[in-house]
Amino acid sequence: MPPARDNDHSALALFAAELQAARARAGMSRDELAARINYSPSLVGMVESMRRVPRMDFAQRCDDALATTGTFARLHEHLRTAPFPSWFRPFAQHEAEATSLRTFELVLVPGLLQTPKYARAVLSTRVGTTEDEIDQWVTARMERQAILDRDDPPLLWAVIDEGVLHRPVGGVDVMRAQVEHLAERTGRSNVVIQVIPVMSASMLGCWVRS
């Protein structure tokens, strides 16, 4: 993962400090808080030591467990784009505010339509990354998809090449689940998925002669 920008580090440091302070006020150990929010003590420790960017679900559960009335959910808003590379962050912000999104993919399923296992298989191909970094990237990618489930979701119009559906990313089981996920998404009024069919040799010959 690229080094955090200064404002990313400050936001993460503030989240970590507030979490430690709220936990201390509540008289909870890391293990006790972890049990309350159904996350591992090691993850709580990584968030408090600024080695992990928490997801929104983590922040909301901390608010519930520590009775902090939305403090951590609000702090999380400043961390939402932290796991993304710097070049992608402006797009992520525009994506979150858009009323319609159009995308074309020739090689992979679009990020907004990927399952966690498919996303992990794709992101794991990056050279020199740790499991912790991959976990953060997968979490960030899944949280991007929350815009499709909100009360006023944007229209997502995705055009993909048929080869995307045949390319064995992550193995047979991962691909089966991914295709089933795409089929489920097309049942939503705000998602349109169109597949460009692979041109057969006979079709190509007819096209060339014409």
C-alpha atoms as a PDB file:
ATOM      1  CA  MET A   1       0.000   0.000   0.000  1.00  0.00           C
ATOM      2  CA  PRO A   2       1.390   3.479  -0.788  1.00  0.00           C
ATOM      3  CA  PRO A   3       2.574   5.536   2.193  1.00  0.00           C
ATOM      4  CA  ALA A   4      -0.263   7.406   3.854  1.00  0.00           C
ATOM      5  CA  ARG A   5      -0.533  11.083   3.085  1.00  0.00           C
ATOM      6  CA  ASP A   6      -0.173  13.485   6.020  1.00  0.00           C
ATOM      7  CA  ASN A   7      -3.926  14.035   6.325  1.00  0.00           C
ATOM      8  CA  ASP A   8      -4.509  10.261   6.180  1.00  0.00           C
ATOM      9  CA  HIS A   9      -2.019   9.729   9.009  1.00  0.00           C
ATOM     10  CA  SER A  10      -3.580  12.495  11.097  1.00  0.00           C
ATOM     11  CA  ALA A  11      -7.071  11.080  10.638  1.00  0.00           C
ATOM     12  CA  LEU A  12      -5.906   7.576  11.511  1.00  0.00           C
ATOM     13  CA  ALA A  13      -3.984   8.891  14.537  1.00  0.00           C
ATOM     14  CA  LEU A  14      -7.104  10.720  15.750  1.00  0.00           C
ATOM     15  CA  PHE A  15      -9.261   7.618  15.302  1.00  0.00           C
ATOM     16  CA  ALA A  16      -6.713   5.515  17.203  1.00  0.00           C
ATOM     17  CA  ALA A  17      -6.400   8.048  20.033  1.00  0.00           C
ATOM     18  CA  GLU A  18     -10.158   8.428  20.413  1.00  0.00           C
ATOM     19  CA  LEU A  19     -10.633   4.675  20.420  1.00  0.00           C
ATOM     20  CA  GLN A  20      -8.051   4.193  23.170  1.00  0.00           C
ATOM     21  CA  ALA A  21      -9.572   7.042  25.201  1.00  0.00           C
ATOM     22  CA  ALA A  22     -13.148   5.778  24.826  1.00  0.00           C
ATOM     23  CA  ARG A  23     -12.098   2.248  25.702  1.00  0.00           C
ATOM     24  CA  ALA A  24     -10.280   3.503  28.805  1.00  0.00           C
ATOM     25  CA  ARG A  25     -13.324   5.517  29.913  1.00  0.00           C
ATOM     26  CA  ALA A  26     -15.478   2.438  29.536  1.00  0.00           C
ATOM     27  CA  GLY A  27     -12.984   0.367  31.529  1.00  0.00           C
ATOM     28  CA  MET A  28     -12.609  -2.168  28.719  1.00  0.00           C
ATOM     29  CA  SER A  29      -9.537  -4.103  27.726  1.00  0.00           C
ATOM     30  CA  ARG A  30      -8.817  -4.758  24.044  1.00  0.00           C
ATOM     31  CA  ASP A  31     -10.071  -8.301  24.474  1.00  0.00           C
ATOM     32  CA  GLU A  32     -13.330  -7.098  26.041  1.00  0.00           C
ATOM     33  CA  LEU A  33     -13.957  -4.539  23.310  1.00  0.00           C
ATOM     34  CA  ALA A  34     -13.124  -7.124  20.648  1.00  0.00           C
ATOM     35  CA  ALA A  35     -15.688  -9.505  22.128  1.00  0.00           C
ATOM     36  CA  ARG A  36     -18.319  -6.761  22.207  1.00  0.00           C
ATOM     37  CA  ILE A  37     -17.853  -5.769  18.565  1.00  0.00           C
ATOM     38  CA  ASN A  38     -17.162  -9.292  17.255  1.00  0.00           C
ATOM     39  CA  TYR A  39     -13.713  -8.467  15.877  1.00  0.00           C
ATOM     40  CA  SER A  40     -10.387  -9.983  16.899  1.00  0.00           C
ATOM     41  CA  PRO A  41      -8.264  -8.394  19.662  1.00  0.00           C
ATOM     42  CA  SER A  42      -5.369  -8.281  17.191  1.00  0.00           C
ATOM     43  CA  LEU A  43      -7.410  -6.114  14.820  1.00  0.00           C
ATOM     44  CA  VAL A  44      -8.344  -3.741  17.630  1.00  0.00           C
ATOM     45  CA  GLY A  45      -4.642  -3.534  18.481  1.00  0.00           C
ATOM     46  CA  MET A  46      -3.671  -2.818  14.875  1.00  0.00           C
ATOM     47  CA  VAL A  47      -6.235  -0.013  14.636  1.00  0.00           C
ATOM     48  CA  GLU A  48      -5.044   1.503  17.906  1.00  0.00           C
ATOM     49  CA  SER A  49      -1.414   1.314  16.757  1.00  0.00           C
ATOM     50  CA  MET A  50      -2.324   2.816  13.343  1.00  0.00           C
ATOM     51  CA  ARG A  51      -1.283  -0.303  11.440  1.00  0.00           C
ATOM     52  CA  ARG A  52      -4.769  -0.905  10.030  1.00  0.00           C
ATOM     53  CA  VAL A  53      -7.432   1.362   8.556  1.00  0.00           C
ATOM     54  CA  PRO A  54     -10.748   0.307  10.133  1.00  0.00           C
ATOM     55  CA  ARG A  55     -13.842  -0.318   8.041  1.00  0.00           C
ATOM     56  CA  MET A  56     -17.131   1.489   8.618  1.00  0.00           C
ATOM     57  CA  ASP A  57     -18.688  -1.581  10.241  1.00  0.00           C
ATOM     58  CA  PHE A  58     -15.875  -1.583  12.814  1.00  0.00           C
ATOM     59  CA  ALA A  59     -16.447   2.119  13.537  1.00  0.00           C
ATOM     60  CA  GLN A  60     -20.202   1.705  13.961  1.00  0.00           C
ATOM     61  CA  ARG A  61     -19.803  -1.275  16.278  1.00  0.00           C
ATOM     62  CA  CYS A  62     -17.350   0.709  18.396  1.00  0.00           C
ATOM     63  CA  ASP A  63     -19.916   3.508  18.664  1.00  0.00           C
ATOM     64  CA  ASP A  64     -22.513   1.010  19.869  1.00  0.00           C
ATOM     65  CA  ALA A  65     -20.202  -0.767  22.316  1.00  0.00           C
ATOM     66  CA  LEU A  66     -18.674   2.419  23.728  1.00  0.00           C
ATOM     67  CA  ALA A  67     -21.833   4.595  23.589  1.00  0.00           C
ATOM     68  CA  THR A  68     -20.013   7.288  21.618  1.00  0.00           C
ATOM     69  CA  THR A  69     -23.094   8.411  19.621  1.00  0.00           C
ATOM     70  CA  GLY A  70     -21.598   8.248  16.153  1.00  0.00           C
ATOM     71  CA  THR A  71     -18.139   9.600  16.926  1.00  0.00           C
ATOM     72  CA  PHE A  72     -16.241   6.795  15.210  1.00  0.00           C
ATOM     73  CA  ALA A  73     -18.585   6.682  12.231  1.00  0.00           C
ATOM     74  CA  ARG A  74     -17.928  10.390  11.688  1.00  0.00           C
ATOM     75  CA  LEU A  75     -14.173   9.940  12.091  1.00  0.00           C
ATOM     76  CA  HIS A  76     -14.279   7.108   9.594  1.00  0.00           C
ATOM     77  CA  GLU A  77     -15.497   9.488   6.876  1.00  0.00           C
ATOM     78  CA  HIS A  78     -11.997  11.007   6.849  1.00  0.00           C
ATOM     79  CA  LEU A  79     -10.446   7.555   6.383  1.00  0.00           C
ATOM     80  CA  ARG A  80     -12.711   6.232   3.646  1.00  0.00           C
ATOM     81  CA  THR A  81     -10.218   6.721   0.794  1.00  0.00           C
ATOM     82  CA  ALA A  82      -7.024   6.089   2.797  1.00  0.00           C
ATOM     83  CA  PRO A  83      -6.361   2.551   1.459  1.00  0.00           C
ATOM     84  CA  PHE A  84      -6.606   3.703  -2.165  1.00  0.00           C
ATOM     85  CA  PRO A  85      -3.577   4.836  -4.174  1.00  0.00           C
ATOM     86  CA  SER A  86      -3.312   8.613  -4.463  1.00  0.00           C
ATOM     87  CA  TRP A  87      -4.257   8.673  -8.155  1.00  0.00           C
ATOM     88  CA  PHE A  88      -7.550   6.865  -7.451  1.00  0.00           C
ATOM     89  CA  ARG A  89      -8.738   8.931  -4.484  1.00  0.00           C
ATOM     90  CA  PRO A  90     -10.350  11.800  -6.434  1.00  0.00           C
ATOM     91  CA  PHE A  91     -12.258   9.262  -8.535  1.00  0.00           C
ATOM     92  CA  ALA A  92     -13.447   7.435  -5.401  1.00  0.00           C
ATOM     93  CA  GLN A  93     -14.863  10.697  -4.092  1.00  0.00           C
ATOM     94  CA  HIS A  94     -16.631  11.456  -7.394  1.00  0.00           C
ATOM     95  CA  GLU A  95     -17.934   7.886  -7.484  1.00  0.00           C
ATOM     96  CA  ALA A  96     -19.484   8.256  -4.038  1.00  0.00           C
ATOM     97  CA  GLU A  97     -21.302  11.443  -5.099  1.00  0.00           C
ATOM     98  CA  ALA A  98     -22.350  10.391  -8.622  1.00  0.00           C
ATOM     99  CA  THR A  99     -25.950   9.858  -9.721  1.00  0.00           C
ATOM    100  CA  SER A 100     -24.921   7.574 -12.600  1.00  0.00           C
ATOM    101  CA  LEU A 101     -21.819   5.545 -13.402  1.00  0.00           C
ATOM    102  CA  ARG A 102     -20.809   3.956 -16.703  1.00  0.00           C
ATOM    103  CA  THR A 103     -17.946   1.535 -17.104  1.00  0.00           C
ATOM    104  CA  PHE A 104     -16.466  -0.774 -19.730  1.00  0.00           C
ATOM    105  CA  GLU A 105     -14.232  -3.704 -18.782  1.00  0.00           C
ATOM    106  CA  LEU A 106     -12.374  -5.904 -21.232  1.00  0.00           C
ATOM    107  CA  VAL A 107     -10.428  -8.084 -18.764  1.00  0.00           C
ATOM    108  CA  LEU A 108     -12.017  -8.171 -15.293  1.00  0.00           C
ATOM    109  CA  VAL A 109     -15.348  -7.753 -13.552  1.00  0.00           C
ATOM    110  CA  PRO A 110     -15.763  -4.080 -12.551  1.00  0.00           C
ATOM    111  CA  GLY A 111     -14.741  -3.363  -8.964  1.00  0.00           C
ATOM    112  CA  LEU A 112     -18.254  -2.282  -7.965  1.00  0.00           C
ATOM    113  CA  LEU A 113     -19.540  -5.724  -8.967  1.00  0.00           C
ATOM    114  CA  GLN A 114     -16.798  -7.972  -7.591  1.00  0.00           C
ATOM    115  CA  THR A 115     -17.288 -10.475  -4.771  1.00  0.00           C
ATOM    116  CA  PRO A 116     -14.770 -10.391  -1.891  1.00  0.00           C
ATOM    117  CA  LYS A 117     -13.070 -13.601  -3.052  1.00  0.00           C
ATOM    118  CA  TYR A 118     -12.822 -12.421  -6.650  1.00  0.00           C
ATOM    119  CA  ALA A 119     -11.398  -9.082  -5.482  1.00  0.00           C
ATOM    120  CA  ARG A 120      -8.878 -10.869  -3.272  1.00  0.00           C
ATOM    121  CA  ALA A 121      -7.753 -13.066  -6.163  1.00  0.00           C
ATOM    122  CA  VAL A 122      -7.220  -9.983  -8.335  1.00  0.00           C
ATOM    123  CA  LEU A 123      -5.474  -7.893  -5.683  1.00  0.00           C
ATOM    124  CA  SER A 124      -3.256 -10.779  -4.571  1.00  0.00           C
ATOM    125  CA  THR A 125      -1.430 -10.626  -7.913  1.00  0.00           C
ATOM    126  CA  ARG A 126       0.241  -7.358  -6.938  1.00  0.00           C
ATOM    127  CA  VAL A 127       3.924  -8.002  -6.353  1.00  0.00           C
ATOM    128  CA  GLY A 128       5.426  -7.315  -2.933  1.00  0.00           C
ATOM    129  CA  THR A 129       2.189  -6.950  -0.962  1.00  0.00           C
ATOM    130  CA  THR A 130       1.421  -8.380   2.462  1.00  0.00           C
ATOM    131  CA  GLU A 131      -1.751 -10.167   3.537  1.00  0.00           C
ATOM    132  CA  ASP A 132      -2.605  -7.203   5.747  1.00  0.00           C
ATOM    133  CA  GLU A 133      -2.399  -4.813   2.783  1.00  0.00           C
ATOM    134  CA  ILE A 134      -4.541  -7.117   0.661  1.00  0.00           C
ATOM    135  CA  ASP A 135      -7.115  -7.285   3.472  1.00  0.00           C
ATOM    136  CA  GLN A 136      -7.297  -3.484   3.518  1.00  0.00           C
ATOM    137  CA  TRP A 137      -7.658  -3.223  -0.252  1.00  0.00           C
ATOM    138  CA  VAL A 138     -10.413  -5.847  -0.335  1.00  0.00           C
ATOM    139  CA  THR A 139     -12.250  -4.097   2.502  1.00  0.00           C
ATOM    140  CA  ALA A 140     -11.961  -0.737   0.749  1.00  0.00           C
ATOM    141  CA  ARG A 141     -13.255  -2.212  -2.505  1.00  0.00           C
ATOM    142  CA  MET A 142     -16.243  -3.790  -0.764  1.00  0.00           C
ATOM    143  CA  GLU A 143     -17.066  -0.543   1.028  1.00  0.00           C
ATOM    144  CA  ARG A 144     -17.138   1.276  -2.319  1.00  0.00           C
ATOM    145  CA  GLN A 145     -20.028  -0.986  -3.257  1.00  0.00           C
ATOM    146  CA  ALA A 146     -22.173   0.414  -0.434  1.00  0.00           C
ATOM    147  CA  ILE A 147     -23.281   3.215  -2.773  1.00  0.00           C
ATOM    148  CA  LEU A 148     -25.347   0.655  -4.716  1.00  0.00           C
ATOM    149  CA  ASP A 149     -27.343  -0.258  -1.602  1.00  0.00           C
ATOM    150  CA  ARG A 150     -28.091   3.196  -0.235  1.00  0.00           C
ATOM    151  CA  ASP A 151     -31.567   4.775  -0.347  1.00  0.00           C
ATOM    152  CA  ASP A 152     -30.710   6.863  -3.421  1.00  0.00           C
ATOM    153  CA  PRO A 153     -28.273   4.624  -5.319  1.00  0.00           C
ATOM    154  CA  PRO A 154     -26.634   5.749  -8.558  1.00  0.00           C
ATOM    155  CA  LEU A 155     -27.395   4.021 -11.838  1.00  0.00           C
ATOM    156  CA  LEU A 156     -24.539   1.649 -12.682  1.00  0.00           C
ATOM    157  CA  TRP A 157     -24.286   0.748 -16.368  1.00  0.00           C
ATOM    158  CA  ALA A 158     -21.538  -1.837 -16.898  1.00  0.00           C
ATOM    159  CA  VAL A 159     -20.504  -3.205 -20.288  1.00  0.00           C
ATOM    160  CA  ILE A 160     -18.152  -6.193 -20.149  1.00  0.00           C
ATOM    161  CA  ASP A 161     -16.528  -8.428 -22.715  1.00  0.00           C
ATOM    162  CA  GLU A 162     -17.753 -12.041 -22.653  1.00  0.00           C
ATOM    163  CA  GLY A 163     -14.178 -13.161 -22.052  1.00  0.00           C
ATOM    164  CA  VAL A 164     -14.420 -11.666 -18.554  1.00  0.00           C
ATOM    165  CA  LEU A 165     -16.928 -14.385 -17.653  1.00  0.00           C
ATOM    166  CA  HIS A 166     -14.682 -17.173 -18.927  1.00  0.00           C
ATOM    167  CA  ARG A 167     -11.392 -15.963 -17.451  1.00  0.00           C
ATOM    168  CA  PRO A 168     -10.748 -18.219 -14.375  1.00  0.00           C
ATOM    169  CA  VAL A 169      -9.905 -15.643 -11.723  1.00  0.00           C
ATOM    170  CA  GLY A 170      -9.432 -17.390  -8.373  1.00  0.00           C
ATOM    171  CA  GLY A 171     -10.609 -20.795  -9.618  1.00  0.00           C
ATOM    172  CA  VAL A 172     -13.903 -22.429 -10.523  1.00  0.00           C
ATOM    173  CA  ASP A 173     -15.703 -21.847  -7.207  1.00  0.00           C
ATOM    174  CA  VAL A 174     -14.752 -18.180  -7.091  1.00  0.00           C
ATOM    175  CA  MET A 175     -15.918 -17.645 -10.673  1.00  0.00           C
ATOM    176  CA  ARG A 176     -19.193 -19.502 -10.092  1.00  0.00           C
ATOM    177  CA  ALA A 177     -19.986 -17.297  -7.110  1.00  0.00           C
ATOM    178  CA  GLN A 178     -18.957 -14.197  -9.075  1.00  0.00           C
ATOM    179  CA  VAL A 179     -21.259 -14.996 -12.003  1.00  0.00           C
ATOM    180  CA  GLU A 180     -24.116 -15.718  -9.599  1.00  0.00           C
ATOM    181  CA  HIS A 181     -23.445 -12.352  -7.946  1.00  0.00           C
ATOM    182  CA  LEU A 182     -23.646 -10.598 -11.315  1.00  0.00           C
ATOM    183  CA  ALA A 183     -26.954 -12.324 -12.029  1.00  0.00           C
ATOM    184  CA  GLU A 184     -28.294 -11.193  -8.644  1.00  0.00           C
ATOM    185  CA  ARG A 185     -27.180  -7.609  -9.258  1.00  0.00           C
ATOM    186  CA  THR A 186     -28.971  -7.436 -12.610  1.00  0.00           C
ATOM    187  CA  GLY A 187     -32.228  -7.936 -10.733  1.00  0.00           C
ATOM    188  CA  ARG A 188     -31.838  -4.465  -9.253  1.00  0.00           C
ATOM    189  CA  SER A 189     -33.409  -1.485 -10.980  1.00  0.00           C
ATOM    190  CA  ASN A 190     -30.239   0.610 -10.653  1.00  0.00           C
ATOM    191  CA  VAL A 191     -27.826  -1.920 -12.205  1.00  0.00           C
ATOM    192  CA  VAL A 192     -27.532  -2.675 -15.923  1.00  0.00           C
ATOM    193  CA  ILE A 193     -24.965  -5.233 -17.101  1.00  0.00           C
ATOM    194  CA  GLN A 194     -24.440  -5.815 -20.810  1.00  0.00           C
ATOM    195  CA  VAL A 195     -22.127  -8.497 -22.201  1.00  0.00           C
ATOM    196  CA  ILE A 196     -20.399  -8.123 -25.571  1.00  0.00           C
ATOM    197  CA  PRO A 197     -20.407 -11.646 -27.064  1.00  0.00           C
ATOM    198  CA  VAL A 198     -17.231 -13.226 -28.361  1.00  0.00           C
ATOM    199  CA  MET A 199     -17.253 -13.164 -32.165  1.00  0.00           C
ATOM    200  CA  SER A 200     -17.007 -16.650 -33.646  1.00  0.00           C
ATOM    201  CA  ALA A 201     -14.839 -17.404 -36.692  1.00  0.00           C
ATOM    202  CA  SER A 202     -17.898 -17.685 -38.939  1.00  0.00           C
ATOM    203  CA  MET A 203     -19.278 -14.382 -37.672  1.00  0.00           C
ATOM    204  CA  LEU A 204     -15.910 -12.746 -38.207  1.00  0.00           C
ATOM    205  CA  GLY A 205     -15.770 -14.067 -41.768  1.00  0.00           C
ATOM    206  CA  CYS A 206     -19.192 -12.632 -42.546  1.00  0.00           C
ATOM    207  CA  TRP A 207     -18.166  -9.295 -41.069  1.00  0.00           C
ATOM    208  CA  VAL A 208     -14.949  -9.172 -43.118  1.00  0.00           C
ATOM    209  CA  ARG A 209     -16.772 -10.054 -46.380  1.00  0.00           C
ATOM    210  CA  SER A 210     -19.373  -7.409 -45.768  1.00  0.00           C
END
